[in-house]
Amino acid sequence: MNDMGKAALNINYPSGFVMDTKVNNDSAAPYRGEQPWGMPKDLVIPRALDEDERLWVPVAPNTWSRPLHLNTSLGYYVHILKVTRSGILQRHRHSGPVHAYVIKGRWFYPEHDWVAEEGSYIFEPPGETHTLTVPDDCQKMITLFTIFGALMYVDPDGNSTGYDDVFTRIKKYREYFEKIGLGADYVRNFMR
């Protein structure tokens, strides 16, 4: 038995919980019931960091977005942002929460005293305004972002200059996939 299995034996499970280790019974069988009607299919993307250039949509000079999940009914999107330049990427305000996980490199907001480095998880609350910046000594930054609602782009004084949300992202992805020959509807692979 490995260390995880030994540790599981020492867990205080809730009253009535039974961990059955017999393989030849129903506790090891997959669910046999029906899934709820209308439930969308699972979304599984093998090799999400795949370097297939066709899946990385250019959004600015030396900046690409790899769509993973576009959810129109809840108004959020999940994408991987890849940047191969330093400097200010964008200044924006959030209408909803944002979750981020740094896969490679690092970035920061000059408005804060922390740096998001490889392996860091970041939560950004709704209403916050900040300036996404990649430091000069970072050659490549890759971060997984989950963005609820809109990113409202602003100037240094907070005046609106544009926005992005799941619908503007879908439009950009459709245009790009059509242009490179995958077809505009290729974006449906990421929609749930």
N, C-alpha and C. Protein backbone atom coordinates (compact mmCIF):
# COMPACT_ATOMS: atom_id res chain seq x y z
N MET A 1 0.86 -1.19 0.00
CA MET A 1 0.00 0.00 0.00
C MET A 1 0.90 1.24 0.00
N ASN A 2 0.60 2.22 -0.85
CA ASN A 2 1.41 3.44 -0.91
C ASN A 2 1.06 4.37 0.25
N ASP A 3 1.82 5.47 0.38
CA ASP A 3 1.60 6.41 1.49
C ASP A 3 0.21 7.02 1.47
N MET A 4 -0.32 7.30 0.26
CA MET A 4 -1.67 7.87 0.17
C MET A 4 -2.70 6.88 0.70
N GLY A 5 -2.53 5.59 0.37
CA GLY A 5 -3.46 4.58 0.86
C GLY A 5 -3.39 4.45 2.37
N LYS A 6 -2.17 4.52 2.92
CA LYS A 6 -2.02 4.46 4.38
C LYS A 6 -2.66 5.67 5.04
N ALA A 7 -2.47 6.83 4.43
CA ALA A 7 -3.06 8.05 4.99
C ALA A 7 -4.58 7.98 4.96
N ALA A 8 -5.14 7.35 3.92
CA ALA A 8 -6.59 7.25 3.82
C ALA A 8 -7.17 6.43 4.97
N LEU A 9 -6.40 5.49 5.46
CA LEU A 9 -6.88 4.66 6.57
C LEU A 9 -6.99 5.45 7.86
N ASN A 10 -6.29 6.57 7.98
CA ASN A 10 -6.28 7.37 9.19
C ASN A 10 -7.23 8.56 9.14
N ILE A 11 -8.01 8.68 8.08
CA ILE A 11 -8.94 9.80 7.94
C ILE A 11 -10.19 9.54 8.77
N ASN A 12 -10.70 10.54 9.43
CA ASN A 12 -11.97 10.43 10.15
C ASN A 12 -13.11 10.70 9.19
N TYR A 13 -13.69 9.64 8.64
CA TYR A 13 -14.78 9.77 7.70
C TYR A 13 -16.08 10.09 8.43
N PRO A 14 -17.06 10.71 7.76
CA PRO A 14 -18.35 11.01 8.39
C PRO A 14 -19.04 9.74 8.85
N SER A 15 -19.87 9.86 9.86
CA SER A 15 -20.63 8.74 10.38
C SER A 15 -21.45 8.10 9.27
N GLY A 16 -21.40 6.80 9.17
CA GLY A 16 -22.15 6.09 8.15
C GLY A 16 -21.38 5.85 6.86
N PHE A 17 -20.20 6.49 6.70
CA PHE A 17 -19.40 6.31 5.49
C PHE A 17 -18.71 4.95 5.55
N VAL A 18 -18.83 4.18 4.49
CA VAL A 18 -18.19 2.87 4.43
C VAL A 18 -17.30 2.85 3.20
N MET A 19 -16.03 2.55 3.41
CA MET A 19 -15.09 2.42 2.29
C MET A 19 -14.92 0.94 2.02
N ASP A 20 -15.50 0.48 0.94
CA ASP A 20 -15.46 -0.93 0.60
C ASP A 20 -14.31 -1.17 -0.35
N THR A 21 -13.40 -2.04 0.01
CA THR A 21 -12.22 -2.30 -0.81
C THR A 21 -12.38 -3.52 -1.70
N LYS A 22 -13.55 -4.18 -1.66
CA LYS A 22 -13.78 -5.34 -2.52
C LYS A 22 -14.02 -4.86 -3.95
N VAL A 23 -13.36 -5.48 -4.90
CA VAL A 23 -13.49 -5.07 -6.30
C VAL A 23 -14.71 -5.69 -6.96
N ASN A 24 -15.14 -6.84 -6.51
CA ASN A 24 -16.22 -7.56 -7.17
C ASN A 24 -17.60 -7.22 -6.60
N ASN A 25 -17.88 -5.97 -6.41
CA ASN A 25 -19.22 -5.58 -5.97
C ASN A 25 -19.62 -4.26 -6.62
N ASP A 26 -20.82 -3.82 -6.34
CA ASP A 26 -21.34 -2.62 -7.00
C ASP A 26 -20.64 -1.32 -6.59
N SER A 27 -19.90 -1.31 -5.49
CA SER A 27 -19.25 -0.05 -5.10
C SER A 27 -18.17 0.36 -6.10
N ALA A 28 -17.66 -0.61 -6.86
CA ALA A 28 -16.63 -0.31 -7.85
C ALA A 28 -17.21 -0.16 -9.26
N ALA A 29 -18.52 -0.30 -9.39
CA ALA A 29 -19.16 -0.21 -10.72
C ALA A 29 -19.43 1.25 -11.06
N PRO A 30 -19.35 1.60 -12.35
CA PRO A 30 -19.70 2.97 -12.75
C PRO A 30 -21.20 3.22 -12.58
N TYR A 31 -21.55 4.47 -12.57
CA TYR A 31 -22.94 4.88 -12.45
C TYR A 31 -23.75 4.32 -13.61
N ARG A 32 -24.91 3.72 -13.31
CA ARG A 32 -25.74 3.09 -14.35
C ARG A 32 -26.97 3.93 -14.70
N GLY A 33 -27.22 4.98 -13.97
CA GLY A 33 -28.41 5.79 -14.20
C GLY A 33 -28.25 6.74 -15.37
N GLU A 34 -29.33 7.43 -15.68
CA GLU A 34 -29.31 8.42 -16.75
C GLU A 34 -28.81 9.75 -16.21
N GLN A 35 -28.10 10.49 -17.05
CA GLN A 35 -27.69 11.84 -16.69
C GLN A 35 -28.89 12.77 -16.92
N PRO A 36 -28.91 13.93 -16.29
CA PRO A 36 -30.04 14.85 -16.46
C PRO A 36 -30.24 15.25 -17.92
N TRP A 37 -31.50 15.32 -18.33
CA TRP A 37 -31.81 15.76 -19.69
C TRP A 37 -31.36 17.21 -19.85
N GLY A 38 -30.77 17.51 -20.99
CA GLY A 38 -30.35 18.87 -21.28
C GLY A 38 -28.97 19.23 -20.78
N MET A 39 -28.36 18.34 -20.02
CA MET A 39 -27.02 18.61 -19.50
C MET A 39 -26.01 18.61 -20.65
N PRO A 40 -25.13 19.61 -20.71
CA PRO A 40 -24.15 19.61 -21.80
C PRO A 40 -23.13 18.48 -21.62
N LYS A 41 -22.46 18.15 -22.72
CA LYS A 41 -21.42 17.13 -22.68
C LYS A 41 -20.23 17.63 -21.88
N ASP A 42 -19.46 16.68 -21.32
CA ASP A 42 -18.19 17.04 -20.69
C ASP A 42 -17.31 17.71 -21.74
N LEU A 43 -16.39 18.50 -21.29
CA LEU A 43 -15.43 19.15 -22.18
C LEU A 43 -14.04 18.73 -21.73
N VAL A 44 -13.39 17.94 -22.54
CA VAL A 44 -12.05 17.45 -22.23
C VAL A 44 -11.14 17.87 -23.38
N ILE A 45 -10.08 18.60 -23.04
CA ILE A 45 -9.14 19.05 -24.07
C ILE A 45 -7.76 18.46 -23.75
N PRO A 46 -7.42 17.37 -24.44
CA PRO A 46 -6.09 16.81 -24.24
C PRO A 46 -5.03 17.80 -24.75
N ARG A 47 -3.92 17.83 -24.10
CA ARG A 47 -2.79 18.67 -24.54
C ARG A 47 -3.20 20.14 -24.70
N ALA A 48 -3.78 20.70 -23.67
CA ALA A 48 -4.24 22.10 -23.74
C ALA A 48 -3.10 23.07 -24.05
N LEU A 49 -1.89 22.69 -23.71
CA LEU A 49 -0.73 23.54 -24.01
C LEU A 49 -0.09 23.18 -25.34
N ASP A 50 -0.79 22.40 -26.15
CA ASP A 50 -0.29 21.98 -27.46
C ASP A 50 0.21 23.19 -28.24
N GLU A 51 1.30 23.01 -28.89
CA GLU A 51 1.88 24.12 -29.66
C GLU A 51 1.31 24.21 -31.07
N ASP A 52 0.21 23.52 -31.36
CA ASP A 52 -0.44 23.65 -32.65
C ASP A 52 -0.83 25.11 -32.84
N GLU A 53 -0.10 25.81 -33.66
CA GLU A 53 -0.27 27.26 -33.83
C GLU A 53 -1.69 27.66 -34.23
N ARG A 54 -2.42 26.75 -34.86
CA ARG A 54 -3.77 27.09 -35.31
C ARG A 54 -4.72 27.34 -34.15
N LEU A 55 -4.41 26.83 -32.97
CA LEU A 55 -5.31 26.96 -31.82
C LEU A 55 -4.98 28.16 -30.95
N TRP A 56 -3.88 28.83 -31.24
CA TRP A 56 -3.47 30.02 -30.49
C TRP A 56 -3.87 31.26 -31.29
N VAL A 57 -4.86 31.96 -30.80
CA VAL A 57 -5.44 33.09 -31.52
C VAL A 57 -4.69 34.37 -31.16
N PRO A 58 -4.10 35.07 -32.15
CA PRO A 58 -3.41 36.32 -31.84
C PRO A 58 -4.40 37.39 -31.36
N VAL A 59 -4.07 38.02 -30.22
CA VAL A 59 -4.95 39.07 -29.69
C VAL A 59 -4.24 40.42 -29.57
N ALA A 60 -2.92 40.41 -29.71
CA ALA A 60 -2.09 41.62 -29.68
C ALA A 60 -0.70 41.19 -30.15
N PRO A 61 0.20 42.13 -30.42
CA PRO A 61 1.56 41.73 -30.83
C PRO A 61 2.20 40.79 -29.80
N ASN A 62 2.69 39.65 -30.28
CA ASN A 62 3.36 38.65 -29.44
C ASN A 62 2.50 38.19 -28.28
N THR A 63 1.18 38.16 -28.48
CA THR A 63 0.23 37.76 -27.44
C THR A 63 -0.86 36.90 -28.08
N TRP A 64 -1.10 35.71 -27.48
CA TRP A 64 -2.06 34.77 -28.03
C TRP A 64 -3.00 34.27 -26.94
N SER A 65 -4.20 33.89 -27.36
CA SER A 65 -5.20 33.31 -26.47
C SER A 65 -5.57 31.93 -26.99
N ARG A 66 -5.49 30.95 -26.12
CA ARG A 66 -5.88 29.57 -26.47
C ARG A 66 -7.21 29.28 -25.77
N PRO A 67 -8.34 29.30 -26.51
CA PRO A 67 -9.64 29.06 -25.86
C PRO A 67 -9.73 27.64 -25.32
N LEU A 68 -10.32 27.52 -24.13
CA LEU A 68 -10.57 26.20 -23.55
C LEU A 68 -12.06 25.98 -23.29
N HIS A 69 -12.73 26.98 -22.72
CA HIS A 69 -14.15 26.84 -22.40
C HIS A 69 -14.83 28.19 -22.57
N LEU A 70 -15.86 28.22 -23.37
CA LEU A 70 -16.63 29.44 -23.61
C LEU A 70 -18.06 29.16 -23.16
N ASN A 71 -18.48 29.77 -22.07
CA ASN A 71 -19.78 29.47 -21.49
C ASN A 71 -20.70 30.67 -21.62
N THR A 72 -21.60 30.60 -22.60
CA THR A 72 -22.48 31.74 -22.88
C THR A 72 -23.64 31.84 -21.90
N SER A 73 -24.07 30.74 -21.31
CA SER A 73 -25.21 30.81 -20.39
C SER A 73 -24.81 31.38 -19.03
N LEU A 74 -23.57 31.21 -18.62
CA LEU A 74 -23.10 31.78 -17.35
C LEU A 74 -22.18 32.98 -17.55
N GLY A 75 -21.83 33.29 -18.80
CA GLY A 75 -21.08 34.50 -19.10
C GLY A 75 -19.63 34.49 -18.66
N TYR A 76 -18.94 33.37 -18.88
CA TYR A 76 -17.51 33.34 -18.56
C TYR A 76 -16.74 32.59 -19.63
N TYR A 77 -15.43 32.78 -19.61
CA TYR A 77 -14.58 32.03 -20.52
C TYR A 77 -13.29 31.65 -19.82
N VAL A 78 -12.72 30.53 -20.28
CA VAL A 78 -11.45 30.03 -19.76
C VAL A 78 -10.51 30.00 -20.95
N HIS A 79 -9.34 30.58 -20.77
CA HIS A 79 -8.35 30.55 -21.85
C HIS A 79 -6.95 30.57 -21.26
N ILE A 80 -5.99 30.20 -22.10
CA ILE A 80 -4.59 30.30 -21.73
C ILE A 80 -4.02 31.48 -22.50
N LEU A 81 -3.42 32.39 -21.76
CA LEU A 81 -2.78 33.56 -22.37
C LEU A 81 -1.29 33.29 -22.47
N LYS A 82 -0.75 33.43 -23.69
CA LYS A 82 0.69 33.25 -23.92
C LYS A 82 1.26 34.56 -24.44
N VAL A 83 2.33 35.03 -23.80
CA VAL A 83 2.94 36.31 -24.16
C VAL A 83 4.44 36.11 -24.30
N THR A 84 5.01 36.62 -25.41
CA THR A 84 6.46 36.51 -25.62
C THR A 84 7.08 37.90 -25.76
N ARG A 85 6.62 38.82 -24.95
CA ARG A 85 7.19 40.17 -24.92
C ARG A 85 7.00 40.71 -23.50
N SER A 86 7.74 41.73 -23.19
CA SER A 86 7.59 42.35 -21.88
C SER A 86 6.83 43.67 -22.04
N GLY A 87 6.45 44.24 -20.90
CA GLY A 87 5.77 45.52 -20.90
C GLY A 87 4.30 45.40 -20.53
N ILE A 88 3.60 46.52 -20.67
CA ILE A 88 2.18 46.56 -20.34
C ILE A 88 1.39 45.84 -21.43
N LEU A 89 0.54 44.91 -21.00
CA LEU A 89 -0.33 44.21 -21.95
C LEU A 89 -1.67 44.93 -22.08
N GLN A 90 -2.26 45.26 -20.91
CA GLN A 90 -3.56 45.92 -20.93
C GLN A 90 -3.91 46.44 -19.54
N ARG A 91 -4.71 47.46 -19.52
CA ARG A 91 -5.26 48.01 -18.27
C ARG A 91 -6.75 47.75 -18.32
N HIS A 92 -7.29 47.15 -17.24
CA HIS A 92 -8.70 46.76 -17.30
C HIS A 92 -9.33 46.70 -15.92
N ARG A 93 -10.66 46.74 -15.94
CA ARG A 93 -11.48 46.59 -14.74
C ARG A 93 -12.33 45.33 -14.93
N HIS A 94 -12.60 44.64 -13.84
CA HIS A 94 -13.41 43.42 -13.89
C HIS A 94 -14.85 43.68 -13.47
N SER A 95 -15.80 43.12 -14.21
CA SER A 95 -17.19 43.16 -13.76
C SER A 95 -17.52 41.93 -12.92
N GLY A 96 -16.69 40.89 -13.03
CA GLY A 96 -16.88 39.66 -12.26
C GLY A 96 -15.53 39.16 -11.77
N PRO A 97 -15.53 38.07 -11.00
CA PRO A 97 -14.26 37.55 -10.49
C PRO A 97 -13.41 36.92 -11.59
N VAL A 98 -12.11 36.87 -11.33
CA VAL A 98 -11.16 36.23 -12.23
C VAL A 98 -10.28 35.29 -11.39
N HIS A 99 -10.05 34.11 -11.93
CA HIS A 99 -9.12 33.16 -11.32
C HIS A 99 -7.99 32.95 -12.31
N ALA A 100 -6.76 32.87 -11.81
CA ALA A 100 -5.61 32.69 -12.69
C ALA A 100 -4.62 31.70 -12.06
N TYR A 101 -3.92 30.99 -12.92
CA TYR A 101 -2.86 30.09 -12.48
C TYR A 101 -1.70 30.28 -13.46
N VAL A 102 -0.53 30.64 -12.93
CA VAL A 102 0.64 30.91 -13.77
C VAL A 102 1.34 29.58 -14.09
N ILE A 103 1.38 29.26 -15.37
CA ILE A 103 2.00 28.02 -15.83
C ILE A 103 3.49 28.23 -16.08
N LYS A 104 3.83 29.38 -16.64
CA LYS A 104 5.24 29.68 -16.97
C LYS A 104 5.46 31.18 -16.88
N GLY A 105 6.64 31.57 -16.45
CA GLY A 105 7.00 32.98 -16.40
C GLY A 105 6.41 33.69 -15.20
N ARG A 106 6.21 35.00 -15.38
CA ARG A 106 5.64 35.80 -14.29
C ARG A 106 5.07 37.09 -14.84
N TRP A 107 4.22 37.71 -14.03
CA TRP A 107 3.61 38.99 -14.38
C TRP A 107 3.20 39.68 -13.09
N PHE A 108 2.83 40.94 -13.23
CA PHE A 108 2.45 41.71 -12.04
C PHE A 108 1.50 42.83 -12.42
N TYR A 109 0.93 43.44 -11.39
CA TYR A 109 0.15 44.65 -11.53
C TYR A 109 0.88 45.75 -10.76
N PRO A 110 1.26 46.85 -11.39
CA PRO A 110 1.95 47.92 -10.68
C PRO A 110 1.11 48.48 -9.52
N GLU A 111 -0.19 48.24 -9.55
CA GLU A 111 -1.07 48.72 -8.49
C GLU A 111 -0.95 47.88 -7.22
N HIS A 112 -0.25 46.76 -7.28
CA HIS A 112 -0.10 45.85 -6.13
C HIS A 112 1.37 45.60 -5.82
N ASP A 113 1.62 45.02 -4.65
CA ASP A 113 3.00 44.76 -4.23
C ASP A 113 3.37 43.28 -4.36
N TRP A 114 2.65 42.51 -5.15
CA TRP A 114 2.95 41.10 -5.34
C TRP A 114 3.26 40.82 -6.82
N VAL A 115 3.93 39.69 -7.06
CA VAL A 115 4.26 39.22 -8.40
C VAL A 115 3.68 37.82 -8.56
N ALA A 116 2.97 37.58 -9.63
CA ALA A 116 2.44 36.25 -9.94
C ALA A 116 3.53 35.48 -10.67
N GLU A 117 4.05 34.46 -10.01
CA GLU A 117 5.13 33.67 -10.58
C GLU A 117 4.66 32.26 -10.89
N GLU A 118 5.47 31.53 -11.63
CA GLU A 118 5.15 30.16 -12.01
C GLU A 118 4.67 29.37 -10.80
N GLY A 119 3.48 28.76 -10.94
CA GLY A 119 2.89 28.00 -9.86
C GLY A 119 1.95 28.79 -8.97
N SER A 120 1.84 30.09 -9.20
CA SER A 120 0.97 30.94 -8.36
C SER A 120 -0.49 30.85 -8.81
N TYR A 121 -1.38 30.89 -7.81
CA TYR A 121 -2.82 31.01 -8.06
C TYR A 121 -3.21 32.42 -7.63
N ILE A 122 -4.05 33.07 -8.43
CA ILE A 122 -4.46 34.45 -8.16
C ILE A 122 -5.98 34.53 -8.26
N PHE A 123 -6.59 35.20 -7.29
CA PHE A 123 -8.01 35.54 -7.36
C PHE A 123 -8.10 37.05 -7.45
N GLU A 124 -8.88 37.53 -8.41
CA GLU A 124 -9.09 38.96 -8.59
C GLU A 124 -10.57 39.26 -8.40
N PRO A 125 -10.91 40.13 -7.46
CA PRO A 125 -12.33 40.39 -7.16
C PRO A 125 -12.99 41.28 -8.21
N PRO A 126 -14.32 41.17 -8.32
CA PRO A 126 -15.05 42.07 -9.22
C PRO A 126 -14.82 43.52 -8.82
N GLY A 127 -14.75 44.40 -9.81
CA GLY A 127 -14.60 45.82 -9.55
C GLY A 127 -13.17 46.31 -9.55
N GLU A 128 -12.20 45.41 -9.44
CA GLU A 128 -10.80 45.82 -9.39
C GLU A 128 -10.33 46.30 -10.75
N THR A 129 -9.49 47.35 -10.73
CA THR A 129 -8.86 47.86 -11.95
C THR A 129 -7.35 47.76 -11.77
N HIS A 130 -6.66 47.22 -12.79
CA HIS A 130 -5.21 47.07 -12.72
C HIS A 130 -4.61 46.97 -14.12
N THR A 131 -3.29 46.97 -14.17
CA THR A 131 -2.54 47.04 -15.41
C THR A 131 -1.66 45.81 -15.54
N LEU A 132 -2.05 44.85 -16.37
CA LEU A 132 -1.31 43.61 -16.55
C LEU A 132 0.03 43.90 -17.22
N THR A 133 1.11 43.52 -16.54
CA THR A 133 2.45 43.85 -17.00
C THR A 133 3.37 42.64 -16.89
N VAL A 134 4.13 42.38 -17.95
CA VAL A 134 5.14 41.32 -17.94
C VAL A 134 6.50 42.01 -17.74
N PRO A 135 7.29 41.57 -16.75
CA PRO A 135 8.58 42.22 -16.48
C PRO A 135 9.58 42.05 -17.63
N ASP A 136 10.54 42.97 -17.70
CA ASP A 136 11.53 42.96 -18.78
C ASP A 136 12.33 41.68 -18.87
N ASP A 137 12.58 41.01 -17.75
CA ASP A 137 13.43 39.82 -17.77
C ASP A 137 12.64 38.52 -18.00
N CYS A 138 11.38 38.62 -18.37
CA CYS A 138 10.55 37.43 -18.63
C CYS A 138 10.40 37.26 -20.14
N GLN A 139 10.91 36.16 -20.66
CA GLN A 139 10.87 35.89 -22.10
C GLN A 139 9.55 35.30 -22.57
N LYS A 140 8.88 34.54 -21.67
CA LYS A 140 7.62 33.90 -22.05
C LYS A 140 6.75 33.76 -20.81
N MET A 141 5.52 34.24 -20.91
CA MET A 141 4.55 34.13 -19.83
C MET A 141 3.36 33.35 -20.35
N ILE A 142 2.95 32.32 -19.59
CA ILE A 142 1.77 31.52 -19.93
C ILE A 142 0.92 31.41 -18.67
N THR A 143 -0.34 31.85 -18.75
CA THR A 143 -1.23 31.81 -17.60
C THR A 143 -2.62 31.34 -18.02
N LEU A 144 -3.19 30.47 -17.19
CA LEU A 144 -4.56 30.02 -17.36
C LEU A 144 -5.46 31.02 -16.64
N PHE A 145 -6.42 31.60 -17.37
CA PHE A 145 -7.36 32.56 -16.79
C PHE A 145 -8.80 32.04 -16.93
N THR A 146 -9.58 32.21 -15.88
CA THR A 146 -11.03 32.01 -15.92
C THR A 146 -11.64 33.36 -15.62
N ILE A 147 -12.36 33.92 -16.59
CA ILE A 147 -12.86 35.29 -16.50
C ILE A 147 -14.38 35.29 -16.54
N PHE A 148 -14.98 35.74 -15.44
CA PHE A 148 -16.44 35.86 -15.35
C PHE A 148 -16.82 37.29 -15.70
N GLY A 149 -17.84 37.46 -16.54
CA GLY A 149 -18.27 38.79 -16.92
C GLY A 149 -17.32 39.40 -17.93
N ALA A 150 -17.13 40.71 -17.82
CA ALA A 150 -16.35 41.45 -18.81
C ALA A 150 -15.05 42.00 -18.24
N LEU A 151 -14.08 42.14 -19.14
CA LEU A 151 -12.90 42.96 -18.89
C LEU A 151 -13.18 44.28 -19.58
N MET A 152 -13.22 45.34 -18.81
CA MET A 152 -13.49 46.66 -19.38
C MET A 152 -12.15 47.39 -19.46
N TYR A 153 -11.67 47.62 -20.67
CA TYR A 153 -10.39 48.28 -20.87
C TYR A 153 -10.54 49.77 -20.58
N VAL A 154 -9.55 50.32 -19.87
CA VAL A 154 -9.62 51.72 -19.45
C VAL A 154 -8.27 52.40 -19.64
N ASP A 155 -8.31 53.74 -19.71
CA ASP A 155 -7.07 54.51 -19.73
C ASP A 155 -6.61 54.69 -18.28
N PRO A 156 -5.46 55.37 -18.05
CA PRO A 156 -4.95 55.51 -16.68
C PRO A 156 -5.92 56.21 -15.73
N ASP A 157 -6.86 56.98 -16.26
CA ASP A 157 -7.83 57.68 -15.41
C ASP A 157 -9.14 56.91 -15.25
N GLY A 158 -9.23 55.72 -15.84
CA GLY A 158 -10.43 54.90 -15.69
C GLY A 158 -11.48 55.11 -16.76
N ASN A 159 -11.18 55.91 -17.78
CA ASN A 159 -12.13 56.13 -18.87
C ASN A 159 -12.15 54.91 -19.79
N SER A 160 -13.32 54.48 -20.17
CA SER A 160 -13.49 53.27 -20.96
C SER A 160 -12.87 53.41 -22.35
N THR A 161 -12.17 52.35 -22.78
CA THR A 161 -11.60 52.31 -24.12
C THR A 161 -12.06 51.07 -24.90
N GLY A 162 -12.83 50.19 -24.27
CA GLY A 162 -13.31 48.98 -24.92
C GLY A 162 -13.60 47.91 -23.89
N TYR A 163 -13.98 46.73 -24.37
CA TYR A 163 -14.26 45.63 -23.45
C TYR A 163 -14.12 44.30 -24.15
N ASP A 164 -14.02 43.25 -23.37
CA ASP A 164 -14.05 41.87 -23.84
C ASP A 164 -14.92 41.07 -22.90
N ASP A 165 -15.71 40.17 -23.45
CA ASP A 165 -16.47 39.20 -22.65
C ASP A 165 -16.54 37.92 -23.46
N VAL A 166 -17.29 36.94 -23.00
CA VAL A 166 -17.34 35.66 -23.72
C VAL A 166 -17.84 35.85 -25.15
N PHE A 167 -18.74 36.80 -25.38
CA PHE A 167 -19.30 36.98 -26.72
C PHE A 167 -18.32 37.65 -27.68
N THR A 168 -17.56 38.64 -27.20
CA THR A 168 -16.54 39.25 -28.07
C THR A 168 -15.43 38.25 -28.35
N ARG A 169 -15.11 37.42 -27.36
CA ARG A 169 -14.09 36.38 -27.56
C ARG A 169 -14.55 35.36 -28.60
N ILE A 170 -15.81 34.93 -28.50
CA ILE A 170 -16.32 33.98 -29.49
C ILE A 170 -16.24 34.59 -30.89
N LYS A 171 -16.60 35.86 -31.02
CA LYS A 171 -16.54 36.53 -32.32
C LYS A 171 -15.10 36.55 -32.86
N LYS A 172 -14.13 36.89 -32.00
CA LYS A 172 -12.72 36.92 -32.43
C LYS A 172 -12.24 35.53 -32.81
N TYR A 173 -12.58 34.53 -31.99
CA TYR A 173 -12.15 33.16 -32.28
C TYR A 173 -12.78 32.67 -33.59
N ARG A 174 -14.07 32.94 -33.81
CA ARG A 174 -14.74 32.53 -35.04
C ARG A 174 -14.05 33.13 -36.26
N GLU A 175 -13.78 34.43 -36.20
CA GLU A 175 -13.13 35.11 -37.33
C GLU A 175 -11.76 34.51 -37.61
N TYR A 176 -11.00 34.24 -36.55
CA TYR A 176 -9.67 33.68 -36.73
C TYR A 176 -9.72 32.26 -37.30
N PHE A 177 -10.58 31.41 -36.73
CA PHE A 177 -10.66 30.02 -37.20
C PHE A 177 -11.13 29.96 -38.65
N GLU A 178 -12.02 30.86 -39.04
CA GLU A 178 -12.46 30.93 -40.44
C GLU A 178 -11.28 31.33 -41.33
N LYS A 179 -10.54 32.35 -40.91
CA LYS A 179 -9.42 32.88 -41.70
C LYS A 179 -8.34 31.83 -41.94
N ILE A 180 -8.08 30.96 -40.95
CA ILE A 180 -6.99 29.99 -41.11
C ILE A 180 -7.46 28.65 -41.69
N GLY A 181 -8.76 28.54 -42.01
CA GLY A 181 -9.25 27.35 -42.69
C GLY A 181 -9.88 26.28 -41.80
N LEU A 182 -9.98 26.51 -40.50
CA LEU A 182 -10.65 25.54 -39.64
C LEU A 182 -12.17 25.69 -39.69
N GLY A 183 -12.63 26.83 -40.16
CA GLY A 183 -14.06 27.13 -40.21
C GLY A 183 -14.51 27.84 -38.95
N ALA A 184 -15.41 28.80 -39.10
CA ALA A 184 -15.87 29.60 -37.97
C ALA A 184 -16.50 28.74 -36.87
N ASP A 185 -17.18 27.67 -37.27
CA ASP A 185 -17.85 26.83 -36.28
C ASP A 185 -16.90 25.97 -35.46
N TYR A 186 -15.62 26.00 -35.77
CA TYR A 186 -14.65 25.27 -34.95
C TYR A 186 -14.72 25.72 -33.50
N VAL A 187 -15.13 26.97 -33.28
CA VAL A 187 -15.25 27.51 -31.93
C VAL A 187 -16.23 26.70 -31.09
N ARG A 188 -17.18 26.02 -31.71
CA ARG A 188 -18.16 25.23 -30.97
C ARG A 188 -17.51 24.12 -30.15
N ASN A 189 -16.29 23.71 -30.53
CA ASN A 189 -15.57 22.70 -29.75
C ASN A 189 -15.32 23.15 -28.32
N PHE A 190 -15.36 24.45 -28.09
CA PHE A 190 -15.04 25.00 -26.77
C PHE A 190 -16.27 25.54 -26.04
N MET A 191 -17.42 25.47 -26.67
CA MET A 191 -18.64 26.05 -26.09
C MET A 191 -19.46 25.01 -25.35
N ARG A 192 -19.93 25.42 -24.18
CA ARG A 192 -20.86 24.59 -23.39
C ARG A 192 -21.86 25.50 -22.76
